């Protein structure tokens, strides 16, 4: 997604997970949803800002190893608060896609019915 004229990308890295975990109860990333239950709009927006910035920084940090000439230009929380709600929501959607990645789906087939008559040996 373009933000202030530049392409912004996201990557779920160990560093990003650690940064997000810092705002979770007991620093446990498994408790991230608890932070989002706040009734404070400010706290929820700050939580999502941390989420977005951390995943973007994860991408920026990793990109330096992919391309030695890469010039890092990470998102800042100050930059995020200048976005419209719609832009912020779109950015959050992209960050969430990076967080969840490709979901593995399993297609299950209905079990085949056994024949009513079974062969027995006498």
Protein backbone atom coordinates (compact mmCIF):
# COMPACT_ATOMS: atom_id res chain seq x y z
CA UNK A 1 0.00 0.00 0.00
CA UNK A 2 1.16 3.52 -0.71
CA UNK A 3 1.61 5.75 2.33
CA UNK A 4 2.75 9.30 1.73
CA UNK A 5 4.02 8.35 -1.71
CA UNK A 6 6.00 5.22 -0.83
CA UNK A 7 5.22 1.53 -0.88
CA UNK A 8 4.83 0.05 2.61
CA UNK A 9 5.22 -3.69 3.18
CA UNK A 10 5.01 -6.01 6.16
CA UNK A 11 6.76 -9.13 7.39
CA UNK A 12 6.14 -11.23 10.48
CA UNK A 13 9.59 -11.63 11.98
CA UNK A 14 10.83 -12.66 15.41
CA UNK A 15 11.71 -9.01 16.08
CA UNK A 16 8.18 -7.89 15.15
CA UNK A 17 6.62 -10.54 17.38
CA UNK A 18 8.82 -9.45 20.28
CA UNK A 19 7.86 -5.80 19.82
CA UNK A 20 4.16 -6.61 19.76
CA UNK A 21 4.53 -8.93 22.75
CA UNK A 22 5.95 -6.04 24.81
CA UNK A 23 2.48 -4.46 24.97
CA UNK A 24 0.71 -7.72 25.88
CA UNK A 25 -0.07 -8.91 29.41
CA UNK A 26 2.91 -10.84 30.78
CA UNK A 27 4.66 -10.01 27.47
CA UNK A 28 2.81 -13.02 26.06
CA UNK A 29 1.90 -12.65 22.37
CA UNK A 30 -0.84 -15.23 22.93
CA UNK A 31 -2.64 -12.60 25.00
CA UNK A 32 -2.64 -9.92 22.27
CA UNK A 33 -6.45 -10.00 22.01
CA UNK A 34 -6.71 -8.91 25.64
CA UNK A 35 -5.04 -5.61 24.80
CA UNK A 36 -7.64 -4.99 22.10
CA UNK A 37 -10.51 -5.36 24.59
CA UNK A 38 -9.79 -1.94 26.02
CA UNK A 39 -12.69 0.48 25.91
CA UNK A 40 -10.23 3.30 25.24
CA UNK A 41 -10.12 4.34 21.60
CA UNK A 42 -6.66 5.79 22.20
CA UNK A 43 -5.29 2.54 23.66
CA UNK A 44 -6.74 0.45 20.83
CA UNK A 45 -5.37 2.81 18.17
CA UNK A 46 -1.96 2.78 19.87
CA UNK A 47 -2.05 -1.02 19.97
CA UNK A 48 -2.81 -1.25 16.27
CA UNK A 49 -0.13 1.35 15.55
CA UNK A 50 2.44 -0.78 17.39
CA UNK A 51 1.24 -3.82 15.43
CA UNK A 52 1.51 -2.04 12.06
CA UNK A 53 4.85 -0.35 12.77
CA UNK A 54 6.40 -3.55 14.14
CA UNK A 55 5.45 -5.63 11.10
CA UNK A 56 6.65 -2.88 8.79
CA UNK A 57 9.95 -2.62 10.65
CA UNK A 58 10.27 -6.41 10.43
CA UNK A 59 10.07 -6.07 6.66
CA UNK A 60 12.46 -3.12 6.58
CA UNK A 61 15.05 -4.94 8.72
CA UNK A 62 14.86 -8.11 6.63
CA UNK A 63 15.01 -6.21 3.34
CA UNK A 64 18.46 -4.86 4.22
CA UNK A 65 19.75 -8.45 4.10
CA UNK A 66 18.04 -9.15 0.79
CA UNK A 67 19.32 -5.98 -0.87
CA UNK A 68 22.49 -4.47 0.56
CA UNK A 69 21.70 -1.14 -1.14
CA UNK A 70 18.19 -0.95 0.32
CA UNK A 71 17.47 2.35 2.04
CA UNK A 72 15.19 1.71 5.00
CA UNK A 73 12.23 4.05 5.44
CA UNK A 74 10.00 2.54 8.13
CA UNK A 75 6.60 3.81 9.13
CA UNK A 76 6.41 5.83 12.31
CA UNK A 77 3.53 6.10 14.73
CA UNK A 78 3.53 9.85 14.09
CA UNK A 79 3.03 9.11 10.41
CA UNK A 80 0.18 6.69 11.12
CA UNK A 81 -1.86 9.24 13.08
CA UNK A 82 -1.93 11.51 10.03
CA UNK A 83 -3.85 8.90 8.03
CA UNK A 84 -7.60 8.88 7.58
CA UNK A 85 -9.54 6.10 9.30
CA UNK A 86 -10.02 4.44 5.92
CA UNK A 87 -6.30 4.55 5.10
CA UNK A 88 -5.43 3.29 8.57
CA UNK A 89 -7.93 0.43 8.19
CA UNK A 90 -6.51 -0.55 4.79
CA UNK A 91 -3.00 -0.54 6.18
CA UNK A 92 -4.12 -2.64 9.13
CA UNK A 93 -5.72 -5.14 6.75
CA UNK A 94 -2.42 -5.55 4.89
CA UNK A 95 -0.50 -5.90 8.15
CA UNK A 96 -2.93 -8.56 9.32
CA UNK A 97 -2.45 -10.47 6.08
CA UNK A 98 1.28 -10.53 6.81
CA UNK A 99 0.60 -11.64 10.38
CA UNK A 100 -1.67 -14.52 9.43
CA UNK A 101 0.09 -15.41 6.18
CA UNK A 102 -1.31 -18.06 3.92
CA UNK A 103 -3.79 -20.09 5.82
CA UNK A 104 -3.45 -23.79 5.24
CA UNK A 105 -6.81 -25.29 4.54
CA UNK A 106 -7.60 -28.95 4.63
CA UNK A 107 -10.27 -30.29 2.38
CA UNK A 108 -12.04 -33.18 3.97
CA UNK A 109 -13.95 -35.74 1.99
CA UNK A 110 -17.07 -37.32 3.35
CA UNK A 111 -16.28 -40.84 4.51
CA UNK A 112 -17.26 -43.52 2.04
CA UNK A 113 -20.10 -45.74 3.17
CA UNK A 114 -19.24 -49.34 3.82
CA UNK A 115 -21.04 -51.94 1.80
CA UNK A 116 -24.11 -53.27 3.54
CA UNK A 117 -22.94 -56.79 2.97
CA UNK A 118 -19.50 -57.69 4.06
CA UNK A 119 -17.56 -60.64 2.91
CA UNK A 120 -16.80 -63.24 5.53
CA UNK A 121 -14.76 -66.34 5.20
CA UNK A 122 -16.29 -69.60 6.33
